Amino acid sequence: MTSRREFLGTVAAVVPALRWQGTGTPANEWGTPVFDLHFHLRPQPEANLTHLDGAGIAKANLLTRGAVLPQVKAMEAAAPGRFTWFNSYDVSKPDAEQVLTQAVKDGAQGFGELKFHVAADGPELRRLYALAADLHVPLLIHFQEVDHFPNEGTWSTGYARTFESILKAYPRTTFIGHADAFWANVSADYRNEAAYPTGPIKRGGVTDRWLGDHPNLFGDVSANSGNNALSRDPEFTADFLKRHQDKLLFGSDCSCSDGHGAGVSQANNPAAARLAGKCVARETLGVLKRSASPDIFRKIAWGNAHGRLHIQENA
């Protein structure tokens, strides 16, 4: 693992090559600038921009965990205007609220990715739901009920059964849903039987209904989970994007090395083999562009994230 000192030393060496020369944000190949809500900070500084540039992405929200402020500041210095960041921390630890409050003071614009082996309506996450409301920041949650590989465990469990009560109990909190259980539950017939169900979607799934019923719930379309939900039933997808055009946010959650599918794009997740060798960012942007009008595509790819995260839109 790259140490903090090694990371900062590498940044200092490569800043001249990394520094973004653009003024404003280019529309690029997608016809509109793209903001990636779900981009995990990579240990090699240059790898962050290699993926963004390769996939045609103008800006990204770095998902980080723990004490990462020096790394984030180094990336912001290397490419001014291209990064924002969320922070996460072990929700079971007693100092979680203190650590995340300090992260927001340091510039983090939200909590996430919150991916822990706890219940979605449990006390560990409830205290962060309240804290996010008090600090006026959104939080991004990974919901998963089915193992991707033996003994992986599940994350933020009980989504379909309990999460509507959370949406009602914390009306001032902005929730961004993500991952398997969130996206599989667009279909009313989902019963946690598979990570990524296939075939036509049955109307009336809880995620579909809650996006319409609760103003504090938003959807992050990243990863195989979001791509799978958008790809499995084109007729449903076109209508879904139209109905929820103000509630959906583009994200990639892609680990390919170059924005074109090189390297490992779905590491340690055999169930997501359908996207092996592909760039998840490119695949999902393609589905969105084919399924939505230009105005709706721009909202999902750019405008909604700026509206929710209060980032100044300069394009």
C-alpha atoms as a PDB file:
ATOM      1  CA  MET A   1       0.000   0.000   0.000  1.00  0.00           C
ATOM      2  CA  THR A   2       1.274   3.472  -0.841  1.00  0.00           C
ATOM      3  CA  SER A   3       2.113   5.508   2.270  1.00  0.00           C
ATOM      4  CA  ARG A   4       0.968   9.093   2.700  1.00  0.00           C
ATOM      5  CA  ARG A   5       4.552  10.339   2.343  1.00  0.00           C
ATOM      6  CA  GLU A   6       5.059   8.308  -0.848  1.00  0.00           C
ATOM      7  CA  PHE A   7       1.740   9.575  -2.240  1.00  0.00           C
ATOM      8  CA  LEU A   8       2.617  13.220  -1.618  1.00  0.00           C
ATOM      9  CA  GLY A   9       6.094  12.734  -3.013  1.00  0.00           C
ATOM     10  CA  THR A  10       4.700  11.222  -6.168  1.00  0.00           C
ATOM     11  CA  VAL A  11       2.197  14.076  -6.532  1.00  0.00           C
ATOM     12  CA  ALA A  12       5.000  16.607  -6.275  1.00  0.00           C
ATOM     13  CA  ALA A  13       6.840  14.796  -9.038  1.00  0.00           C
ATOM     14  CA  VAL A  14       3.940  14.481 -11.433  1.00  0.00           C
ATOM     15  CA  VAL A  15       2.021  17.728 -10.838  1.00  0.00           C
ATOM     16  CA  PRO A  16       3.376  19.386 -14.002  1.00  0.00           C
ATOM     17  CA  ALA A  17       2.044  16.475 -16.065  1.00  0.00           C
ATOM     18  CA  LEU A  18      -1.263  16.282 -14.216  1.00  0.00           C
ATOM     19  CA  ARG A  19      -2.189  19.905 -13.943  1.00  0.00           C
ATOM     20  CA  TRP A  20      -5.424  20.573 -15.823  1.00  0.00           C
ATOM     21  CA  GLN A  21      -4.992  23.374 -18.345  1.00  0.00           C
ATOM     22  CA  GLY A  22      -8.651  23.895 -19.157  1.00  0.00           C
ATOM     23  CA  THR A  23     -10.644  27.009 -18.401  1.00  0.00           C
ATOM     24  CA  GLY A  24     -14.197  26.076 -17.535  1.00  0.00           C
ATOM     25  CA  THR A  25     -15.413  22.549 -18.154  1.00  0.00           C
ATOM     26  CA  PRO A  26     -15.438  21.071 -21.695  1.00  0.00           C
ATOM     27  CA  ALA A  27     -18.533  19.438 -23.141  1.00  0.00           C
ATOM     28  CA  ASN A  28     -16.308  16.669 -24.616  1.00  0.00           C
ATOM     29  CA  GLU A  29     -17.444  13.520 -26.404  1.00  0.00           C
ATOM     30  CA  TRP A  30     -20.654  13.069 -24.395  1.00  0.00           C
ATOM     31  CA  GLY A  31     -22.182  16.336 -25.578  1.00  0.00           C
ATOM     32  CA  THR A  32     -22.220  17.707 -22.038  1.00  0.00           C
ATOM     33  CA  PRO A  33     -19.673  17.830 -19.229  1.00  0.00           C
ATOM     34  CA  VAL A  34     -19.842  14.813 -16.943  1.00  0.00           C
ATOM     35  CA  PHE A  35     -19.514  14.698 -13.161  1.00  0.00           C
ATOM     36  CA  ASP A  36     -18.688  11.308 -11.620  1.00  0.00           C
ATOM     37  CA  LEU A  37     -20.267  11.148  -8.173  1.00  0.00           C
ATOM     38  CA  HIS A  38     -18.728   7.778  -7.294  1.00  0.00           C
ATOM     39  CA  PHE A  39     -14.962   7.747  -7.878  1.00  0.00           C
ATOM     40  CA  HIS A  40     -12.740   6.004  -5.339  1.00  0.00           C
ATOM     41  CA  LEU A  41      -9.449   7.779  -4.658  1.00  0.00           C
ATOM     42  CA  ARG A  42      -6.617   5.809  -6.269  1.00  0.00           C
ATOM     43  CA  PRO A  43      -3.259   5.440  -4.536  1.00  0.00           C
ATOM     44  CA  GLN A  44      -1.228   6.497  -7.581  1.00  0.00           C
ATOM     45  CA  PRO A  45      -1.977  10.198  -8.194  1.00  0.00           C
ATOM     46  CA  GLU A  46      -1.727  10.074 -11.970  1.00  0.00           C
ATOM     47  CA  ALA A  47      -4.148   7.127 -12.126  1.00  0.00           C
ATOM     48  CA  ASN A  48      -7.027   9.342 -11.004  1.00  0.00           C
ATOM     49  CA  LEU A  49      -6.787  11.662 -13.987  1.00  0.00           C
ATOM     50  CA  THR A  50      -5.905   8.889 -16.425  1.00  0.00           C
ATOM     51  CA  HIS A  51      -9.286   7.277 -15.789  1.00  0.00           C
ATOM     52  CA  LEU A  52     -11.250  10.535 -15.886  1.00  0.00           C
ATOM     53  CA  ASP A  53      -9.615  11.703 -19.104  1.00  0.00           C
ATOM     54  CA  GLY A  54      -9.943   8.303 -20.738  1.00  0.00           C
ATOM     55  CA  ALA A  55     -13.654   8.098 -19.981  1.00  0.00           C
ATOM     56  CA  GLY A  56     -14.358  11.706 -20.994  1.00  0.00           C
ATOM     57  CA  ILE A  57     -15.242  12.855 -17.467  1.00  0.00           C
ATOM     58  CA  ALA A  58     -14.715  16.494 -16.496  1.00  0.00           C
ATOM     59  CA  LYS A  59     -15.023  16.277 -12.709  1.00  0.00           C
ATOM     60  CA  ALA A  60     -15.178  13.594 -10.047  1.00  0.00           C
ATOM     61  CA  ASN A  61     -16.206  13.218  -6.437  1.00  0.00           C
ATOM     62  CA  LEU A  62     -13.512  11.304  -4.568  1.00  0.00           C
ATOM     63  CA  LEU A  63     -14.843   8.708  -2.125  1.00  0.00           C
ATOM     64  CA  THR A  64     -12.345   8.411   0.714  1.00  0.00           C
ATOM     65  CA  ARG A  65     -12.081   6.816   4.131  1.00  0.00           C
ATOM     66  CA  GLY A  66     -10.261   8.015   7.222  1.00  0.00           C
ATOM     67  CA  ALA A  67      -7.450  10.557   7.397  1.00  0.00           C
ATOM     68  CA  VAL A  68      -6.896  11.469   3.748  1.00  0.00           C
ATOM     69  CA  LEU A  69      -6.840  15.274   3.740  1.00  0.00           C
ATOM     70  CA  PRO A  70      -3.211  15.555   2.510  1.00  0.00           C
ATOM     71  CA  GLN A  71      -3.938  13.239  -0.427  1.00  0.00           C
ATOM     72  CA  VAL A  72      -7.125  15.101  -1.326  1.00  0.00           C
ATOM     73  CA  LYS A  73      -5.438  18.489  -1.124  1.00  0.00           C
ATOM     74  CA  ALA A  74      -2.621  17.217  -3.305  1.00  0.00           C
ATOM     75  CA  MET A  75      -5.070  16.069  -5.975  1.00  0.00           C
ATOM     76  CA  GLU A  76      -6.951  19.376  -5.805  1.00  0.00           C
ATOM     77  CA  ALA A  77      -3.652  21.208  -6.300  1.00  0.00           C
ATOM     78  CA  ALA A  78      -2.675  18.963  -9.191  1.00  0.00           C
ATOM     79  CA  ALA A  79      -5.964  19.462 -11.032  1.00  0.00           C
ATOM     80  CA  PRO A  80      -7.794  22.565  -9.785  1.00  0.00           C
ATOM     81  CA  GLY A  81     -11.542  22.429 -10.193  1.00  0.00           C
ATOM     82  CA  ARG A  82     -11.729  18.724 -11.053  1.00  0.00           C
ATOM     83  CA  PHE A  83     -12.318  17.107  -7.665  1.00  0.00           C
ATOM     84  CA  THR A  84     -14.667  17.266  -4.715  1.00  0.00           C
ATOM     85  CA  TRP A  85     -14.710  14.643  -1.973  1.00  0.00           C
ATOM     86  CA  PHE A  86     -16.794  12.636   0.476  1.00  0.00           C
ATOM     87  CA  ASN A  87     -15.380  10.966   3.566  1.00  0.00           C
ATOM     88  CA  SER A  88     -16.286   7.765   5.372  1.00  0.00           C
ATOM     89  CA  TYR A  89     -15.257   6.253   8.690  1.00  0.00           C
ATOM     90  CA  ASP A  90     -15.983   3.094  10.660  1.00  0.00           C
ATOM     91  CA  VAL A  91     -19.523   3.730  11.899  1.00  0.00           C
ATOM     92  CA  SER A  92     -19.072   1.348  14.834  1.00  0.00           C
ATOM     93  CA  LYS A  93     -16.387   3.495  16.436  1.00  0.00           C
ATOM     94  CA  PRO A  94     -17.436   5.974  19.126  1.00  0.00           C
ATOM     95  CA  ASP A  95     -15.570   8.868  17.493  1.00  0.00           C
ATOM     96  CA  ALA A  96     -17.279   8.494  14.091  1.00  0.00           C
ATOM     97  CA  GLU A  97     -19.323  11.669  14.487  1.00  0.00           C
ATOM     98  CA  GLN A  98     -16.296  13.678  15.594  1.00  0.00           C
ATOM     99  CA  VAL A  99     -14.120  12.433  12.718  1.00  0.00           C
ATOM    100  CA  LEU A 100     -16.749  13.053  10.035  1.00  0.00           C
ATOM    101  CA  THR A 101     -17.623  16.480  11.404  1.00  0.00           C
ATOM    102  CA  GLN A 102     -13.954  17.444  11.120  1.00  0.00           C
ATOM    103  CA  ALA A 103     -13.844  16.084   7.570  1.00  0.00           C
ATOM    104  CA  VAL A 104     -16.707  18.402   6.599  1.00  0.00           C
ATOM    105  CA  LYS A 105     -14.896  21.315   8.248  1.00  0.00           C
ATOM    106  CA  ASP A 106     -11.869  20.369   6.151  1.00  0.00           C
ATOM    107  CA  GLY A 107     -13.895  20.507   2.943  1.00  0.00           C
ATOM    108  CA  ALA A 108     -15.651  17.164   2.499  1.00  0.00           C
ATOM    109  CA  GLN A 109     -19.045  17.735   0.902  1.00  0.00           C
ATOM    110  CA  GLY A 110     -20.723  14.558   2.118  1.00  0.00           C
ATOM    111  CA  PHE A 111     -20.419  11.185   3.827  1.00  0.00           C
ATOM    112  CA  GLY A 112     -19.620   8.112   1.793  1.00  0.00           C
ATOM    113  CA  GLU A 113     -19.356   5.602   0.640  1.00  0.00           C
ATOM    114  CA  LEU A 114     -20.981   4.224   3.819  1.00  0.00           C
ATOM    115  CA  LYS A 115     -20.322   0.493   3.373  1.00  0.00           C
ATOM    116  CA  PHE A 116     -20.374  -1.425   6.626  1.00  0.00           C
ATOM    117  CA  HIS A 117     -21.696  -4.688   8.009  1.00  0.00           C
ATOM    118  CA  VAL A 118     -24.567  -3.075   9.914  1.00  0.00           C
ATOM    119  CA  ALA A 119     -28.326  -2.733   9.529  1.00  0.00           C
ATOM    120  CA  ALA A 120     -29.657   0.158   7.469  1.00  0.00           C
ATOM    121  CA  ASP A 121     -31.926   1.131  10.365  1.00  0.00           C
ATOM    122  CA  GLY A 122     -29.406   0.334  13.117  1.00  0.00           C
ATOM    123  CA  PRO A 123     -27.986   2.768  15.688  1.00  0.00           C
ATOM    124  CA  GLU A 124     -24.585   3.013  13.986  1.00  0.00           C
ATOM    125  CA  LEU A 125     -26.012   4.559  10.830  1.00  0.00           C
ATOM    126  CA  ARG A 126     -28.859   6.409  12.527  1.00  0.00           C
ATOM    127  CA  ARG A 127     -26.435   8.716  14.295  1.00  0.00           C
ATOM    128  CA  LEU A 128     -24.848   9.573  10.946  1.00  0.00           C
ATOM    129  CA  TYR A 129     -28.239  10.211   9.370  1.00  0.00           C
ATOM    130  CA  ALA A 130     -28.869  12.813  12.068  1.00  0.00           C
ATOM    131  CA  LEU A 131     -25.366  14.270  11.776  1.00  0.00           C
ATOM    132  CA  ALA A 132     -25.656  14.671   8.002  1.00  0.00           C
ATOM    133  CA  ALA A 133     -28.849  16.654   8.468  1.00  0.00           C
ATOM    134  CA  ASP A 134     -27.220  18.898  11.060  1.00  0.00           C
ATOM    135  CA  LEU A 135     -24.202  19.523   8.808  1.00  0.00           C
ATOM    136  CA  HIS A 136     -26.345  19.953   5.659  1.00  0.00           C
ATOM    137  CA  VAL A 137     -24.424  17.340   3.667  1.00  0.00           C
ATOM    138  CA  PRO A 138     -25.685  14.288   1.738  1.00  0.00           C
ATOM    139  CA  LEU A 139     -24.672  10.714   2.490  1.00  0.00           C
ATOM    140  CA  LEU A 140     -24.128   7.863   0.038  1.00  0.00           C
ATOM    141  CA  ILE A 141     -24.994   4.341   1.225  1.00  0.00           C
ATOM    142  CA  HIS A 142     -24.095   0.894  -0.170  1.00  0.00           C
ATOM    143  CA  PHE A 143     -27.055  -1.499   0.209  1.00  0.00           C
ATOM    144  CA  GLN A 144     -26.286  -5.198  -0.362  1.00  0.00           C
ATOM    145  CA  GLU A 145     -28.136  -8.335   0.754  1.00  0.00           C
ATOM    146  CA  VAL A 146     -26.352 -11.032  -1.338  1.00  0.00           C
ATOM    147  CA  ASP A 147     -22.677 -12.047  -1.115  1.00  0.00           C
ATOM    148  CA  HIS A 148     -20.583 -11.484  -4.241  1.00  0.00           C
ATOM    149  CA  PHE A 149     -18.200 -14.231  -3.103  1.00  0.00           C
ATOM    150  CA  PRO A 150     -18.210 -16.660  -0.150  1.00  0.00           C
ATOM    151  CA  ASN A 151     -18.139 -15.048   3.296  1.00  0.00           C
ATOM    152  CA  GLU A 152     -18.080 -11.495   1.981  1.00  0.00           C
ATOM    153  CA  GLY A 153     -20.984 -10.514   4.194  1.00  0.00           C
ATOM    154  CA  THR A 154     -23.748  -8.032   3.543  1.00  0.00           C
ATOM    155  CA  TRP A 155     -23.933  -4.267   3.922  1.00  0.00           C
ATOM    156  CA  SER A 156     -26.557  -1.818   5.249  1.00  0.00           C
ATOM    157  CA  THR A 157     -29.077  -4.633   5.427  1.00  0.00           C
ATOM    158  CA  GLY A 158     -32.865  -4.500   5.527  1.00  0.00           C
ATOM    159  CA  TYR A 159     -33.262  -1.913   2.775  1.00  0.00           C
ATOM    160  CA  ALA A 160     -36.573  -3.070   1.260  1.00  0.00           C
ATOM    161  CA  ARG A 161     -38.059  -3.910   4.639  1.00  0.00           C
ATOM    162  CA  THR A 162     -37.050  -0.914   6.740  1.00  0.00           C
ATOM    163  CA  PHE A 163     -35.622   1.996   4.780  1.00  0.00           C
ATOM    164  CA  GLU A 164     -38.836   3.835   4.080  1.00  0.00           C
ATOM    165  CA  SER A 165     -39.186   4.329   7.826  1.00  0.00           C
ATOM    166  CA  ILE A 166     -35.721   5.945   7.803  1.00  0.00           C
ATOM    167  CA  LEU A 167     -36.687   8.299   4.977  1.00  0.00           C
ATOM    168  CA  LYS A 168     -39.690   9.393   7.026  1.00  0.00           C
ATOM    169  CA  ALA A 169     -37.789   9.643  10.317  1.00  0.00           C
ATOM    170  CA  TYR A 170     -35.016  11.838   8.853  1.00  0.00           C
ATOM    171  CA  PRO A 171     -36.749  14.205   6.410  1.00  0.00           C
ATOM    172  CA  ARG A 172     -33.909  16.752   6.573  1.00  0.00           C
ATOM    173  CA  THR A 173     -31.291  14.194   5.520  1.00  0.00           C
ATOM    174  CA  THR A 174     -30.330  13.797   1.867  1.00  0.00           C
ATOM    175  CA  PHE A 175     -29.877  10.084   1.125  1.00  0.00           C
ATOM    176  CA  ILE A 176     -28.132   8.802  -2.004  1.00  0.00           C
ATOM    177  CA  GLY A 177     -28.812   5.107  -2.580  1.00  0.00           C
ATOM    178  CA  HIS A 178     -26.316   2.809  -4.290  1.00  0.00           C
ATOM    179  CA  ALA A 179     -25.482  -0.845  -4.953  1.00  0.00           C
ATOM    180  CA  ASP A 180     -27.205  -4.167  -5.386  1.00  0.00           C
ATOM    181  CA  ALA A 181     -30.240  -4.042  -3.131  1.00  0.00           C
ATOM    182  CA  PHE A 182     -31.040  -0.447  -4.018  1.00  0.00           C
ATOM    183  CA  TRP A 183     -31.040  -1.087  -7.761  1.00  0.00           C
ATOM    184  CA  ALA A 184     -32.483  -4.606  -7.819  1.00  0.00           C
ATOM    185  CA  ASN A 185     -35.485  -3.239  -5.946  1.00  0.00           C
ATOM    186  CA  VAL A 186     -36.600  -1.138  -8.900  1.00  0.00           C
ATOM    187  CA  SER A 187     -38.510  -4.337  -9.723  1.00  0.00           C
ATOM    188  CA  ALA A 188     -41.469  -5.321  -7.551  1.00  0.00           C
ATOM    189  CA  ASP A 189     -40.643  -9.032  -7.749  1.00  0.00           C
ATOM    190  CA  TYR A 190     -37.154  -8.850  -6.206  1.00  0.00           C
ATOM    191  CA  ARG A 191     -36.635 -11.013  -3.086  1.00  0.00           C
ATOM    192  CA  ASN A 192     -32.854 -10.893  -2.493  1.00  0.00           C
ATOM    193  CA  GLU A 193     -32.360 -14.020  -4.587  1.00  0.00           C
ATOM    194  CA  ALA A 194     -29.511 -12.626  -6.740  1.00  0.00           C
ATOM    195  CA  ALA A 195     -27.121  -9.701  -6.674  1.00  0.00           C
ATOM    196  CA  TYR A 196     -27.988  -8.636 -10.210  1.00  0.00           C
ATOM    197  CA  PRO A 197     -31.360  -9.965 -11.438  1.00  0.00           C
ATOM    198  CA  THR A 198     -32.038 -10.050 -15.168  1.00  0.00           C
ATOM    199  CA  GLY A 199     -35.077  -9.862 -17.394  1.00  0.00           C
ATOM    200  CA  PRO A 200     -38.020  -7.468 -17.580  1.00  0.00           C
ATOM    201  CA  ILE A 201     -38.700  -5.215 -14.597  1.00  0.00           C
ATOM    202  CA  LYS A 202     -42.025  -5.525 -12.824  1.00  0.00           C
ATOM    203  CA  ARG A 203     -43.439  -2.073 -12.133  1.00  0.00           C
ATOM    204  CA  GLY A 204     -43.909  -0.933  -8.546  1.00  0.00           C
ATOM    205  CA  GLY A 205     -40.549  -1.765  -6.967  1.00  0.00           C
ATOM    206  CA  VAL A 206     -39.790   0.047  -3.724  1.00  0.00           C
ATOM    207  CA  THR A 207     -36.815   1.998  -5.102  1.00  0.00           C
ATOM    208  CA  ASP A 208     -38.938   3.276  -7.984  1.00  0.00           C
ATOM    209  CA  ARG A 209     -41.780   4.241  -5.651  1.00  0.00           C
ATOM    210  CA  TRP A 210     -39.610   5.825  -2.990  1.00  0.00           C
ATOM    211  CA  LEU A 211     -37.734   7.989  -5.490  1.00  0.00           C
ATOM    212  CA  GLY A 212     -41.109   9.437  -6.412  1.00  0.00           C
ATOM    213  CA  ASP A 213     -42.586   9.610  -2.927  1.00  0.00           C
ATOM    214  CA  HIS A 214     -39.671  10.942  -0.857  1.00  0.00           C
ATOM    215  CA  PRO A 215     -37.917  14.196  -1.793  1.00  0.00           C
ATOM    216  CA  ASN A 216     -34.878  13.263   0.338  1.00  0.00           C
ATOM    217  CA  LEU A 217     -33.973  10.106  -1.635  1.00  0.00           C
ATOM    218  CA  PHE A 218     -31.677  10.141  -4.677  1.00  0.00           C
ATOM    219  CA  GLY A 219     -30.084   7.394  -6.765  1.00  0.00           C
ATOM    220  CA  ASP A 220     -26.423   6.902  -7.711  1.00  0.00           C
ATOM    221  CA  VAL A 221     -26.430   4.889 -10.961  1.00  0.00           C
ATOM    222  CA  SER A 222     -22.847   3.636 -10.559  1.00  0.00           C
ATOM    223  CA  ALA A 223     -21.286   0.160 -10.626  1.00  0.00           C
ATOM    224  CA  ASN A 224     -22.569  -3.034 -12.181  1.00  0.00           C
ATOM    225  CA  SER A 225     -25.685  -2.687 -10.013  1.00  0.00           C
ATOM    226  CA  GLY A 226     -26.786   0.615 -11.538  1.00  0.00           C
ATOM    227  CA  ASN A 227     -25.748  -0.399 -15.024  1.00  0.00           C
ATOM    228  CA  ASN A 228     -27.599  -3.712 -14.726  1.00  0.00           C
ATOM    229  CA  ALA A 229     -30.804  -1.996 -13.619  1.00  0.00           C
ATOM    230  CA  LEU A 230     -30.623   0.435 -16.542  1.00  0.00           C
ATOM    231  CA  SER A 231     -29.703  -2.225 -19.118  1.00  0.00           C
ATOM    232  CA  ARG A 232     -32.119  -5.077 -18.413  1.00  0.00           C
ATOM    233  CA  ASP A 233     -35.377  -3.523 -19.652  1.00  0.00           C
ATOM    234  CA  PRO A 234     -34.920  -0.639 -22.141  1.00  0.00           C
ATOM    235  CA  GLU A 235     -38.603   0.305 -22.223  1.00  0.00           C
ATOM    236  CA  PHE A 236     -38.719   0.589 -18.454  1.00  0.00           C
ATOM    237  CA  THR A 237     -35.438   2.517 -18.374  1.00  0.00           C
ATOM    238  CA  ALA A 238     -36.581   5.277 -20.732  1.00  0.00           C
ATOM    239  CA  ASP A 239     -39.681   5.911 -18.630  1.00  0.00           C
ATOM    240  CA  PHE A 240     -37.769   5.563 -15.344  1.00  0.00           C
ATOM    241  CA  LEU A 241     -35.203   8.189 -16.374  1.00  0.00           C
ATOM    242  CA  LYS A 242     -37.914  10.547 -17.505  1.00  0.00           C
ATOM    243  CA  ARG A 243     -39.924  10.206 -14.281  1.00  0.00           C
ATOM    244  CA  HIS A 244     -36.920  10.519 -11.975  1.00  0.00           C
ATOM    245  CA  GLN A 245     -34.789  12.873 -14.040  1.00  0.00           C
ATOM    246  CA  ASP A 246     -34.269  15.205 -11.058  1.00  0.00           C
ATOM    247  CA  LYS A 247     -33.383  12.404  -8.613  1.00  0.00           C
ATOM    248  CA  LEU A 248     -30.639  10.460 -10.423  1.00  0.00           C
ATOM    249  CA  LEU A 249     -26.880  11.098 -10.384  1.00  0.00           C
ATOM    250  CA  PHE A 250     -24.214   9.628 -12.635  1.00  0.00           C
ATOM    251  CA  GLY A 251     -21.405   7.721 -10.939  1.00  0.00           C
ATOM    252  CA  SER A 252     -18.961   5.112 -12.201  1.00  0.00           C
ATOM    253  CA  ASP A 253     -17.485   3.084  -9.309  1.00  0.00           C
ATOM    254  CA  CYS A 254     -15.136   1.790 -12.000  1.00  0.00           C
ATOM    255  CA  SER A 255     -11.680   0.416 -11.284  1.00  0.00           C
ATOM    256  CA  CYS A 256     -10.436   0.043 -14.873  1.00  0.00           C
ATOM    257  CA  SER A 257      -7.100   1.731 -15.390  1.00  0.00           C
ATOM    258  CA  ASP A 258      -7.617   3.900 -18.455  1.00  0.00           C
ATOM    259  CA  GLY A 259     -11.304   4.764 -18.949  1.00  0.00           C
ATOM    260  CA  HIS A 260     -11.514   2.167 -21.719  1.00  0.00           C
ATOM    261  CA  GLY A 261     -11.655  -1.104 -19.741  1.00  0.00           C
ATOM    262  CA  ALA A 262      -7.981  -1.989 -19.298  1.00  0.00           C
ATOM    263  CA  GLY A 263      -6.856  -3.720 -16.142  1.00  0.00           C
ATOM    264  CA  VAL A 264      -9.457  -5.009 -13.708  1.00  0.00           C
ATOM    265  CA  SER A 265     -12.798  -3.232 -13.915  1.00  0.00           C
ATOM    266  CA  GLN A 266     -14.827  -5.464 -11.565  1.00  0.00           C
ATOM    267  CA  ALA A 267     -12.259  -6.696  -9.070  1.00  0.00           C
ATOM    268  CA  ASN A 268     -13.251  -9.429  -6.630  1.00  0.00           C
ATOM    269  CA  ASN A 269     -16.824  -9.623  -7.879  1.00  0.00           C
ATOM    270  CA  PRO A 270     -17.445 -12.691 -10.059  1.00  0.00           C
ATOM    271  CA  ALA A 271     -21.147 -11.839 -10.240  1.00  0.00           C
ATOM    272  CA  ALA A 272     -20.290  -8.723 -12.247  1.00  0.00           C
ATOM    273  CA  ALA A 273     -18.399 -10.551 -14.983  1.00  0.00           C
ATOM    274  CA  ARG A 274     -20.712  -9.019 -17.604  1.00  0.00           C
ATOM    275  CA  LEU A 275     -18.635  -5.825 -17.359  1.00  0.00           C
ATOM    276  CA  ALA A 276     -15.205  -7.452 -17.186  1.00  0.00           C
ATOM    277  CA  GLY A 277     -12.857  -5.772 -19.645  1.00  0.00           C
ATOM    278  CA  LYS A 278     -15.127  -2.769 -19.992  1.00  0.00           C
ATOM    279  CA  CYS A 279     -15.131   0.712 -18.484  1.00  0.00           C
ATOM    280  CA  VAL A 280     -18.189   0.928 -16.261  1.00  0.00           C
ATOM    281  CA  ALA A 281     -18.254   4.710 -16.657  1.00  0.00           C
ATOM    282  CA  ARG A 282     -18.393   4.467 -20.438  1.00  0.00           C
ATOM    283  CA  GLU A 283     -20.928   1.654 -20.405  1.00  0.00           C
ATOM    284  CA  THR A 284     -23.325   3.498 -18.108  1.00  0.00           C
ATOM    285  CA  LEU A 285     -22.948   6.834 -19.855  1.00  0.00           C
ATOM    286  CA  GLY A 286     -23.751   5.030 -23.090  1.00  0.00           C
ATOM    287  CA  VAL A 287     -26.930   3.499 -21.665  1.00  0.00           C
ATOM    288  CA  LEU A 288     -28.024   6.863 -20.288  1.00  0.00           C
ATOM    289  CA  LYS A 289     -27.339   8.673 -23.542  1.00  0.00           C
ATOM    290  CA  ARG A 290     -29.291   6.104 -25.563  1.00  0.00           C
ATOM    291  CA  SER A 291     -32.205   6.081 -23.136  1.00  0.00           C
ATOM    292  CA  ALA A 292     -32.734   9.759 -22.315  1.00  0.00           C
ATOM    293  CA  SER A 293     -33.261  13.041 -24.117  1.00  0.00           C
ATOM    294  CA  PRO A 294     -30.261  15.412 -24.228  1.00  0.00           C
ATOM    295  CA  ASP A 295     -31.776  17.589 -21.481  1.00  0.00           C
ATOM    296  CA  ILE A 296     -32.385  14.629 -19.161  1.00  0.00           C
ATOM    297  CA  PHE A 297     -28.940  13.202 -19.893  1.00  0.00           C
ATOM    298  CA  ARG A 298     -27.317  16.502 -18.923  1.00  0.00           C
ATOM    299  CA  LYS A 299     -29.268  16.600 -15.664  1.00  0.00           C
ATOM    300  CA  ILE A 300     -28.143  13.114 -14.670  1.00  0.00           C
ATOM    301  CA  ALA A 301     -24.569  13.477 -15.928  1.00  0.00           C
ATOM    302  CA  TRP A 302     -23.944  16.990 -14.605  1.00  0.00           C
ATOM    303  CA  GLY A 303     -26.707  19.214 -13.286  1.00  0.00           C
ATOM    304  CA  ASN A 304     -28.233  17.135 -10.504  1.00  0.00           C
ATOM    305  CA  ALA A 305     -24.937  16.545  -8.731  1.00  0.00           C
ATOM    306  CA  HIS A 306     -24.177  20.239  -8.740  1.00  0.00           C
ATOM    307  CA  GLY A 307     -27.632  21.015  -7.392  1.00  0.00           C
ATOM    308  CA  ARG A 308     -27.381  18.455  -4.593  1.00  0.00           C
ATOM    309  CA  LEU A 309     -23.750  19.042  -3.658  1.00  0.00           C
ATOM    310  CA  HIS A 310     -23.836  22.833  -4.082  1.00  0.00           C
ATOM    311  CA  ILE A 311     -20.871  22.793  -6.472  1.00  0.00           C
ATOM    312  CA  GLN A 312     -20.617  25.832  -8.676  1.00  0.00           C
ATOM    313  CA  GLU A 313     -21.528  24.876 -12.238  1.00  0.00           C
ATOM    314  CA  ASN A 314     -19.081  26.485 -14.644  1.00  0.00           C
ATOM    315  CA  ALA A 315     -20.211  24.932 -17.901  1.00  0.00           C
END
